[in-house]
Amino acid sequence: MEADYLKSRMKYHGTHERGYSRHYNAINRHANKIKDAQEKFYHSKEWQGLRRVVLDKQHYLCQYCLSEGRVKPAKIVDHCVPITFDPS
């Protein structure tokens, strides 16, 4: 089944020219002003610094997984209160 799936995926592979995917990946996809503000926050120097400090403190391990006895690397730093609910 996997071979059939990969064959069907490859059917469309390369149908677009290179410039298409490069242009597609460069488009800014913010739905509204709130999402735009959130995006700016996550790319800010303050958030990137805090993120690095938290990941260093937690040894780059997922805290949710650790609470369930699993050890997995972490890439995401979560908020106590999600920014969507309280931007402050």
PDB file of N, CA and C in Angstrom:
ATOM      1  N   MET A   1       0.825  -1.200   0.000  1.00  0.00           N
ATOM      2  CA  MET A   1       0.000   0.000   0.000  1.00  0.00           C
ATOM      3  C   MET A   1       0.867   1.262   0.000  1.00  0.00           C
ATOM      4  N   GLU A   2       1.989   1.194   0.714  1.00  0.00           N
ATOM      5  CA  GLU A   2       2.843   2.366   0.786  1.00  0.00           C
ATOM      6  C   GLU A   2       3.418   2.705  -0.595  1.00  0.00           C
ATOM      7  N   ALA A   3       3.800   1.683  -1.349  1.00  0.00           N
ATOM      8  CA  ALA A   3       4.349   1.915  -2.686  1.00  0.00           C
ATOM      9  C   ALA A   3       3.309   2.583  -3.586  1.00  0.00           C
ATOM     10  N   ASP A   4       2.051   2.132  -3.487  1.00  0.00           N
ATOM     11  CA  ASP A   4       0.983   2.750  -4.279  1.00  0.00           C
ATOM     12  C   ASP A   4       0.767   4.207  -3.875  1.00  0.00           C
ATOM     13  N   TYR A   5       0.826   4.443  -2.572  1.00  0.00           N
ATOM     14  CA  TYR A   5       0.654   5.806  -2.072  1.00  0.00           C
ATOM     15  C   TYR A   5       1.769   6.713  -2.603  1.00  0.00           C
ATOM     16  N   LEU A   6       3.023   6.243  -2.481  1.00  0.00           N
ATOM     17  CA  LEU A   6       4.147   7.048  -2.957  1.00  0.00           C
ATOM     18  C   LEU A   6       4.067   7.276  -4.462  1.00  0.00           C
ATOM     19  N   LYS A   7       3.623   6.270  -5.195  1.00  0.00           N
ATOM     20  CA  LYS A   7       3.476   6.412  -6.640  1.00  0.00           C
ATOM     21  C   LYS A   7       2.437   7.489  -6.976  1.00  0.00           C
ATOM     22  N   SER A   8       1.326   7.495  -6.230  1.00  0.00           N
ATOM     23  CA  SER A   8       0.288   8.503  -6.477  1.00  0.00           C
ATOM     24  C   SER A   8       0.782   9.900  -6.108  1.00  0.00           C
ATOM     25  N   ARG A   9       1.602   9.998  -5.070  1.00  0.00           N
ATOM     26  CA  ARG A   9       2.156  11.298  -4.675  1.00  0.00           C
ATOM     27  C   ARG A   9       3.137  11.813  -5.726  1.00  0.00           C
ATOM     28  N   MET A  10       3.932  10.920  -6.281  1.00  0.00           N
ATOM     29  CA  MET A  10       4.937  11.319  -7.256  1.00  0.00           C
ATOM     30  C   MET A  10       4.313  11.723  -8.589  1.00  0.00           C
ATOM     31  N   LYS A  11       3.070  11.337  -8.802  1.00  0.00           N
ATOM     32  CA  LYS A  11       2.370  11.694 -10.038  1.00  0.00           C
ATOM     33  C   LYS A  11       2.316  13.221 -10.201  1.00  0.00           C
ATOM     34  N   TYR A  12       2.156  13.923  -9.094  1.00  0.00           N
ATOM     35  CA  TYR A  12       2.045  15.382  -9.131  1.00  0.00           C
ATOM     36  C   TYR A  12       3.358  16.082  -8.804  1.00  0.00           C
ATOM     37  N   HIS A  13       4.358  15.307  -8.433  1.00  0.00           N
ATOM     38  CA  HIS A  13       5.659  15.875  -8.083  1.00  0.00           C
ATOM     39  C   HIS A  13       6.291  16.501  -9.329  1.00  0.00           C
ATOM     40  N   GLY A  14       6.707  17.719  -9.214  1.00  0.00           N
ATOM     41  CA  GLY A  14       7.376  18.377 -10.321  1.00  0.00           C
ATOM     42  C   GLY A  14       6.447  18.978 -11.357  1.00  0.00           C
ATOM     43  N   THR A  15       5.134  19.003 -11.092  1.00  0.00           N
ATOM     44  CA  THR A  15       4.214  19.584 -12.068  1.00  0.00           C
ATOM     45  C   THR A  15       4.275  21.101 -12.063  1.00  0.00           C
ATOM     46  N   HIS A  16       4.733  21.677 -10.945  1.00  0.00           N
ATOM     47  CA  HIS A  16       4.894  23.133 -10.879  1.00  0.00           C
ATOM     48  C   HIS A  16       6.347  23.471 -11.111  1.00  0.00           C
ATOM     49  N   GLU A  17       6.573  24.608 -11.704  1.00  0.00           N
ATOM     50  CA  GLU A  17       7.947  25.044 -11.909  1.00  0.00           C
ATOM     51  C   GLU A  17       8.544  25.511 -10.585  1.00  0.00           C
ATOM     52  N   ARG A  18       9.851  25.594 -10.522  1.00  0.00           N
ATOM     53  CA  ARG A  18      10.554  25.947  -9.286  1.00  0.00           C
ATOM     54  C   ARG A  18      10.105  27.283  -8.710  1.00  0.00           C
ATOM     55  N   GLY A  19       9.878  28.247  -9.545  1.00  0.00           N
ATOM     56  CA  GLY A  19       9.480  29.568  -9.081  1.00  0.00           C
ATOM     57  C   GLY A  19       8.153  29.557  -8.346  1.00  0.00           C
ATOM     58  N   TYR A  20       7.289  28.610  -8.716  1.00  0.00           N
ATOM     59  CA  TYR A  20       5.984  28.507  -8.056  1.00  0.00           C
ATOM     60  C   TYR A  20       6.145  28.200  -6.579  1.00  0.00           C
ATOM     61  N   SER A  21       6.930  27.178  -6.244  1.00  0.00           N
ATOM     62  CA  SER A  21       7.080  26.816  -4.837  1.00  0.00           C
ATOM     63  C   SER A  21       7.850  27.880  -4.081  1.00  0.00           C
ATOM     64  N   ARG A  22       8.814  28.498  -4.724  1.00  0.00           N
ATOM     65  CA  ARG A  22       9.568  29.559  -4.055  1.00  0.00           C
ATOM     66  C   ARG A  22       8.633  30.729  -3.745  1.00  0.00           C
ATOM     67  N   HIS A  23       7.765  31.096  -4.683  1.00  0.00           N
ATOM     68  CA  HIS A  23       6.807  32.170  -4.460  1.00  0.00           C
ATOM     69  C   HIS A  23       5.777  31.763  -3.407  1.00  0.00           C
ATOM     70  N   TYR A  24       5.311  30.523  -3.464  1.00  0.00           N
ATOM     71  CA  TYR A  24       4.313  30.034  -2.512  1.00  0.00           C
ATOM     72  C   TYR A  24       4.840  30.120  -1.093  1.00  0.00           C
ATOM     73  N   ASN A  25       6.088  29.760  -0.881  1.00  0.00           N
ATOM     74  CA  ASN A  25       6.664  29.764   0.462  1.00  0.00           C
ATOM     75  C   ASN A  25       6.970  31.167   0.968  1.00  0.00           C
ATOM     76  N   ALA A  26       6.996  32.149   0.095  1.00  0.00           N
ATOM     77  CA  ALA A  26       7.321  33.508   0.501  1.00  0.00           C
ATOM     78  C   ALA A  26       6.091  34.329   0.865  1.00  0.00           C
ATOM     79  N   ILE A  27       4.910  33.785   0.639  1.00  0.00           N
ATOM     80  CA  ILE A  27       3.684  34.531   0.904  1.00  0.00           C
ATOM     81  C   ILE A  27       3.448  34.641   2.408  1.00  0.00           C
ATOM     82  N   ASN A  28       3.055  35.804   2.859  1.00  0.00           N
ATOM     83  CA  ASN A  28       2.743  36.034   4.265  1.00  0.00           C
ATOM     84  C   ASN A  28       1.299  35.626   4.513  1.00  0.00           C
ATOM     85  N   ARG A  29       1.048  34.665   5.395  1.00  0.00           N
ATOM     86  CA  ARG A  29      -0.280  34.102   5.567  1.00  0.00           C
ATOM     87  C   ARG A  29      -0.913  34.465   6.910  1.00  0.00           C
ATOM     88  N   HIS A  30      -0.982  35.726   7.242  1.00  0.00           N
ATOM     89  CA  HIS A  30      -1.614  36.129   8.494  1.00  0.00           C
ATOM     90  C   HIS A  30      -3.073  36.460   8.223  1.00  0.00           C
ATOM     91  N   ALA A  31      -3.951  35.856   8.988  1.00  0.00           N
ATOM     92  CA  ALA A  31      -5.383  35.993   8.738  1.00  0.00           C
ATOM     93  C   ALA A  31      -5.918  37.376   9.120  1.00  0.00           C
ATOM     94  N   ASN A  32      -5.357  37.971  10.162  1.00  0.00           N
ATOM     95  CA  ASN A  32      -5.873  39.254  10.623  1.00  0.00           C
ATOM     96  C   ASN A  32      -4.810  39.987  11.446  1.00  0.00           C
ATOM     97  N   LYS A  33      -5.174  41.136  11.990  1.00  0.00           N
ATOM     98  CA  LYS A  33      -4.221  41.941  12.750  1.00  0.00           C
ATOM     99  C   LYS A  33      -3.761  41.240  14.021  1.00  0.00           C
ATOM    100  N   ILE A  34      -4.630  40.476  14.646  1.00  0.00           N
ATOM    101  CA  ILE A  34      -4.273  39.755  15.878  1.00  0.00           C
ATOM    102  C   ILE A  34      -3.194  38.717  15.578  1.00  0.00           C
ATOM    103  N   LYS A  35      -3.409  37.925  14.522  1.00  0.00           N
ATOM    104  CA  LYS A  35      -2.417  36.913  14.139  1.00  0.00           C
ATOM    105  C   LYS A  35      -1.101  37.573  13.730  1.00  0.00           C
ATOM    106  N   ASP A  36      -1.187  38.715  13.084  1.00  0.00           N
ATOM    107  CA  ASP A  36       0.012  39.445  12.694  1.00  0.00           C
ATOM    108  C   ASP A  36       0.800  39.884  13.925  1.00  0.00           C
ATOM    109  N   ALA A  37       0.096  40.380  14.939  1.00  0.00           N
ATOM    110  CA  ALA A  37       0.747  40.799  16.184  1.00  0.00           C
ATOM    111  C   ALA A  37       1.379  39.605  16.895  1.00  0.00           C
ATOM    112  N   GLN A  38       0.696  38.470  16.888  1.00  0.00           N
ATOM    113  CA  GLN A  38       1.246  37.266  17.511  1.00  0.00           C
ATOM    114  C   GLN A  38       2.514  36.827  16.788  1.00  0.00           C
ATOM    115  N   GLU A  39       2.496  36.884  15.475  1.00  0.00           N
ATOM    116  CA  GLU A  39       3.661  36.497  14.678  1.00  0.00           C
ATOM    117  C   GLU A  39       4.849  37.402  15.005  1.00  0.00           C
ATOM    118  N   LYS A  40       4.599  38.707  15.123  1.00  0.00           N
ATOM    119  CA  LYS A  40       5.671  39.645  15.472  1.00  0.00           C
ATOM    120  C   LYS A  40       6.225  39.334  16.856  1.00  0.00           C
ATOM    121  N   PHE A  41       5.335  38.980  17.799  1.00  0.00           N
ATOM    122  CA  PHE A  41       5.758  38.637  19.158  1.00  0.00           C
ATOM    123  C   PHE A  41       6.686  37.425  19.149  1.00  0.00           C
ATOM    124  N   TYR A  42       6.288  36.376  18.439  1.00  0.00           N
ATOM    125  CA  TYR A  42       7.079  35.150  18.430  1.00  0.00           C
ATOM    126  C   TYR A  42       8.430  35.323  17.737  1.00  0.00           C
ATOM    127  N   HIS A  43       8.572  36.336  16.907  1.00  0.00           N
ATOM    128  CA  HIS A  43       9.858  36.594  16.266  1.00  0.00           C
ATOM    129  C   HIS A  43      10.627  37.712  16.953  1.00  0.00           C
ATOM    130  N   SER A  44      10.109  38.202  18.071  1.00  0.00           N
ATOM    131  CA  SER A  44      10.790  39.288  18.779  1.00  0.00           C
ATOM    132  C   SER A  44      12.028  38.773  19.512  1.00  0.00           C
ATOM    133  N   LYS A  45      12.951  39.669  19.735  1.00  0.00           N
ATOM    134  CA  LYS A  45      14.193  39.331  20.434  1.00  0.00           C
ATOM    135  C   LYS A  45      13.899  38.873  21.865  1.00  0.00           C
ATOM    136  N   GLU A  46      12.921  39.521  22.511  1.00  0.00           N
ATOM    137  CA  GLU A  46      12.572  39.167  23.895  1.00  0.00           C
ATOM    138  C   GLU A  46      12.057  37.728  23.986  1.00  0.00           C
ATOM    139  N   TRP A  47      11.138  37.355  23.083  1.00  0.00           N
ATOM    140  CA  TRP A  47      10.575  35.998  23.137  1.00  0.00           C
ATOM    141  C   TRP A  47      11.642  34.960  22.796  1.00  0.00           C
ATOM    142  N   GLN A  48      12.457  35.232  21.799  1.00  0.00           N
ATOM    143  CA  GLN A  48      13.488  34.271  21.422  1.00  0.00           C
ATOM    144  C   GLN A  48      14.470  34.048  22.571  1.00  0.00           C
ATOM    145  N   GLY A  49      14.813  35.117  23.285  1.00  0.00           N
ATOM    146  CA  GLY A  49      15.710  34.985  24.439  1.00  0.00           C
ATOM    147  C   GLY A  49      15.075  34.194  25.560  1.00  0.00           C
ATOM    148  N   LEU A  50      13.825  34.511  25.873  1.00  0.00           N
ATOM    149  CA  LEU A  50      13.118  33.793  26.937  1.00  0.00           C
ATOM    150  C   LEU A  50      12.935  32.328  26.576  1.00  0.00           C
ATOM    151  N   ARG A  51      12.619  32.069  25.328  1.00  0.00           N
ATOM    152  CA  ARG A  51      12.442  30.696  24.849  1.00  0.00           C
ATOM    153  C   ARG A  51      13.727  29.887  25.060  1.00  0.00           C
ATOM    154  N   ARG A  52      14.857  30.492  24.696  1.00  0.00           N
ATOM    155  CA  ARG A  52      16.143  29.819  24.846  1.00  0.00           C
ATOM    156  C   ARG A  52      16.442  29.533  26.318  1.00  0.00           C
ATOM    157  N   VAL A  53      16.154  30.496  27.196  1.00  0.00           N
ATOM    158  CA  VAL A  53      16.388  30.319  28.634  1.00  0.00           C
ATOM    159  C   VAL A  53      15.543  29.164  29.171  1.00  0.00           C
ATOM    160  N   VAL A  54      14.269  29.117  28.780  1.00  0.00           N
ATOM    161  CA  VAL A  54      13.368  28.063  29.270  1.00  0.00           C
ATOM    162  C   VAL A  54      13.809  26.694  28.761  1.00  0.00           C
ATOM    163  N   LEU A  55      14.148  26.604  27.486  1.00  0.00           N
ATOM    164  CA  LEU A  55      14.585  25.320  26.938  1.00  0.00           C
ATOM    165  C   LEU A  55      15.895  24.862  27.583  1.00  0.00           C
ATOM    166  N   ASP A  56      16.810  25.783  27.834  1.00  0.00           N
ATOM    167  CA  ASP A  56      18.055  25.423  28.535  1.00  0.00           C
ATOM    168  C   ASP A  56      17.755  24.913  29.938  1.00  0.00           C
ATOM    169  N   LYS A  57      16.869  25.599  30.630  1.00  0.00           N
ATOM    170  CA  LYS A  57      16.509  25.219  32.003  1.00  0.00           C
ATOM    171  C   LYS A  57      15.876  23.829  32.046  1.00  0.00           C
ATOM    172  N   GLN A  58      15.107  23.498  31.022  1.00  0.00           N
ATOM    173  CA  GLN A  58      14.414  22.205  30.981  1.00  0.00           C
ATOM    174  C   GLN A  58      15.186  21.173  30.169  1.00  0.00           C
ATOM    175  N   HIS A  59      16.443  21.486  29.846  1.00  0.00           N
ATOM    176  CA  HIS A  59      17.337  20.571  29.119  1.00  0.00           C
ATOM    177  C   HIS A  59      16.751  20.116  27.793  1.00  0.00           C
ATOM    178  N   TYR A  60      15.994  21.002  27.150  1.00  0.00           N
ATOM    179  CA  TYR A  60      15.390  20.733  25.836  1.00  0.00           C
ATOM    180  C   TYR A  60      14.557  19.447  25.843  1.00  0.00           C
ATOM    181  N   LEU A  61      13.852  19.208  26.949  1.00  0.00           N
ATOM    182  CA  LEU A  61      12.971  18.043  27.059  1.00  0.00           C
ATOM    183  C   LEU A  61      11.525  18.493  27.191  1.00  0.00           C
ATOM    184  N   CYS A  62      10.615  17.775  26.542  1.00  0.00           N
ATOM    185  CA  CYS A  62       9.190  18.087  26.594  1.00  0.00           C
ATOM    186  C   CYS A  62       8.664  17.814  28.007  1.00  0.00           C
ATOM    187  N   GLN A  63       8.129  18.828  28.634  1.00  0.00           N
ATOM    188  CA  GLN A  63       7.659  18.704  30.010  1.00  0.00           C
ATOM    189  C   GLN A  63       6.357  17.909  30.102  1.00  0.00           C
ATOM    190  N   TYR A  64       5.500  17.989  29.082  1.00  0.00           N
ATOM    191  CA  TYR A  64       4.272  17.190  29.072  1.00  0.00           C
ATOM    192  C   TYR A  64       4.612  15.711  28.990  1.00  0.00           C
ATOM    193  N   CYS A  65       5.550  15.352  28.131  1.00  0.00           N
ATOM    194  CA  CYS A  65       5.958  13.946  27.989  1.00  0.00           C
ATOM    195  C   CYS A  65       6.627  13.450  29.267  1.00  0.00           C
ATOM    196  N   LEU A  66       7.470  14.284  29.881  1.00  0.00           N
ATOM    197  CA  LEU A  66       8.134  13.878  31.119  1.00  0.00           C
ATOM    198  C   LEU A  66       7.127  13.590  32.225  1.00  0.00           C
ATOM    199  N   SER A  67       6.054  14.363  32.267  1.00  0.00           N
ATOM    200  CA  SER A  67       5.035  14.133  33.298  1.00  0.00           C
ATOM    201  C   SER A  67       4.339  12.789  33.112  1.00  0.00           C
ATOM    202  N   GLU A  68       4.391  12.249  31.874  1.00  0.00           N
ATOM    203  CA  GLU A  68       3.804  10.941  31.595  1.00  0.00           C
ATOM    204  C   GLU A  68       4.859   9.847  31.540  1.00  0.00           C
ATOM    205  N   GLY A  69       6.092  10.166  31.930  1.00  0.00           N
ATOM    206  CA  GLY A  69       7.152   9.173  31.979  1.00  0.00           C
ATOM    207  C   GLY A  69       7.868   8.919  30.665  1.00  0.00           C
ATOM    208  N   ARG A  70       7.666   9.772  29.677  1.00  0.00           N
ATOM    209  CA  ARG A  70       8.341   9.625  28.383  1.00  0.00           C
ATOM    210  C   ARG A  70       9.383  10.731  28.242  1.00  0.00           C
ATOM    211  N   VAL A  71      10.463  10.416  27.571  1.00  0.00           N
ATOM    212  CA  VAL A  71      11.512  11.411  27.334  1.00  0.00           C
ATOM    213  C   VAL A  71      11.533  11.726  25.841  1.00  0.00           C
ATOM    214  N   LYS A  72      11.208  12.983  25.525  1.00  0.00           N
ATOM    215  CA  LYS A  72      11.202  13.428  24.132  1.00  0.00           C
ATOM    216  C   LYS A  72      11.803  14.828  24.068  1.00  0.00           C
ATOM    217  N   PRO A  73      12.492  15.139  22.968  1.00  0.00           N
ATOM    218  CA  PRO A  73      13.053  16.490  22.837  1.00  0.00           C
ATOM    219  C   PRO A  73      11.960  17.535  22.656  1.00  0.00           C
ATOM    220  N   ALA A  74      12.232  18.728  23.136  1.00  0.00           N
ATOM    221  CA  ALA A  74      11.266  19.822  23.036  1.00  0.00           C
ATOM    222  C   ALA A  74      11.772  20.868  22.060  1.00  0.00           C
ATOM    223  N   LYS A  75      10.856  21.398  21.269  1.00  0.00           N
ATOM    224  CA  LYS A  75      11.156  22.512  20.381  1.00  0.00           C
ATOM    225  C   LYS A  75      10.253  23.694  20.699  1.00  0.00           C
ATOM    226  N   ILE A  76       9.161  23.422  21.412  1.00  0.00           N
ATOM    227  CA  ILE A  76       8.140  24.435  21.659  1.00  0.00           C
ATOM    228  C   ILE A  76       8.146  24.820  23.128  1.00  0.00           C
ATOM    229  N   VAL A  77       8.043  26.114  23.375  1.00  0.00           N
ATOM    230  CA  VAL A  77       7.876  26.624  24.730  1.00  0.00           C
ATOM    231  C   VAL A  77       6.438  27.094  24.831  1.00  0.00           C
ATOM    232  N   ASP A  78       5.709  26.573  25.806  1.00  0.00           N
ATOM    233  CA  ASP A  78       4.294  26.890  25.934  1.00  0.00           C
ATOM    234  C   ASP A  78       4.090  28.005  26.949  1.00  0.00           C
ATOM    235  N   HIS A  79       2.964  28.656  26.845  1.00  0.00           N
ATOM    236  CA  HIS A  79       2.598  29.716  27.781  1.00  0.00           C
ATOM    237  C   HIS A  79       1.773  29.136  28.921  1.00  0.00           C
ATOM    238  N   CYS A  80       1.821  29.766  30.089  1.00  0.00           N
ATOM    239  CA  CYS A  80       0.897  29.396  31.162  1.00  0.00           C
ATOM    240  C   CYS A  80      -0.516  29.759  30.723  1.00  0.00           C
ATOM    241  N   VAL A  81      -0.648  30.932  30.147  1.00  0.00           N
ATOM    242  CA  VAL A  81      -1.902  31.376  29.544  1.00  0.00           C
ATOM    243  C   VAL A  81      -1.611  31.647  28.075  1.00  0.00           C
ATOM    244  N   PRO A  82      -2.254  30.940  27.160  1.00  0.00           N
ATOM    245  CA  PRO A  82      -1.969  31.138  25.734  1.00  0.00           C
ATOM    246  C   PRO A  82      -2.146  32.587  25.290  1.00  0.00           C
ATOM    247  N   ILE A  83      -1.271  33.034  24.399  1.00  0.00           N
ATOM    248  CA  ILE A  83      -1.298  34.415  23.920  1.00  0.00           C
ATOM    249  C   ILE A  83      -2.614  34.746  23.243  1.00  0.00           C
ATOM    250  N   THR A  84      -3.299  33.752  22.692  1.00  0.00           N
ATOM    251  CA  THR A  84      -4.586  33.968  22.047  1.00  0.00           C
ATOM    252  C   THR A  84      -5.623  34.472  23.043  1.00  0.00           C
ATOM    253  N   PHE A  85      -5.542  33.973  24.288  1.00  0.00           N
ATOM    254  CA  PHE A  85      -6.513  34.363  25.310  1.00  0.00           C
ATOM    255  C   PHE A  85      -6.140  35.641  26.041  1.00  0.00           C
ATOM    256  N   ASP A  86      -4.826  35.853  26.249  1.00  0.00           N
ATOM    257  CA  ASP A  86      -4.394  37.047  26.977  1.00  0.00           C
ATOM    258  C   ASP A  86      -3.043  37.515  26.428  1.00  0.00           C
ATOM    259  N   PRO A  87      -3.070  38.459  25.506  1.00  0.00           N
ATOM    260  CA  PRO A  87      -1.811  38.924  24.899  1.00  0.00           C
ATOM    261  C   PRO A  87      -0.827  39.555  25.874  1.00  0.00           C
ATOM    262  N   SER A  88      -1.296  40.016  27.011  1.00  0.00           N
ATOM    263  CA  SER A  88      -0.375  40.666  27.963  1.00  0.00           C
ATOM    264  C   SER A  88       0.510  39.639  28.643  1.00  0.00           C
TER     265      SER A  88
END
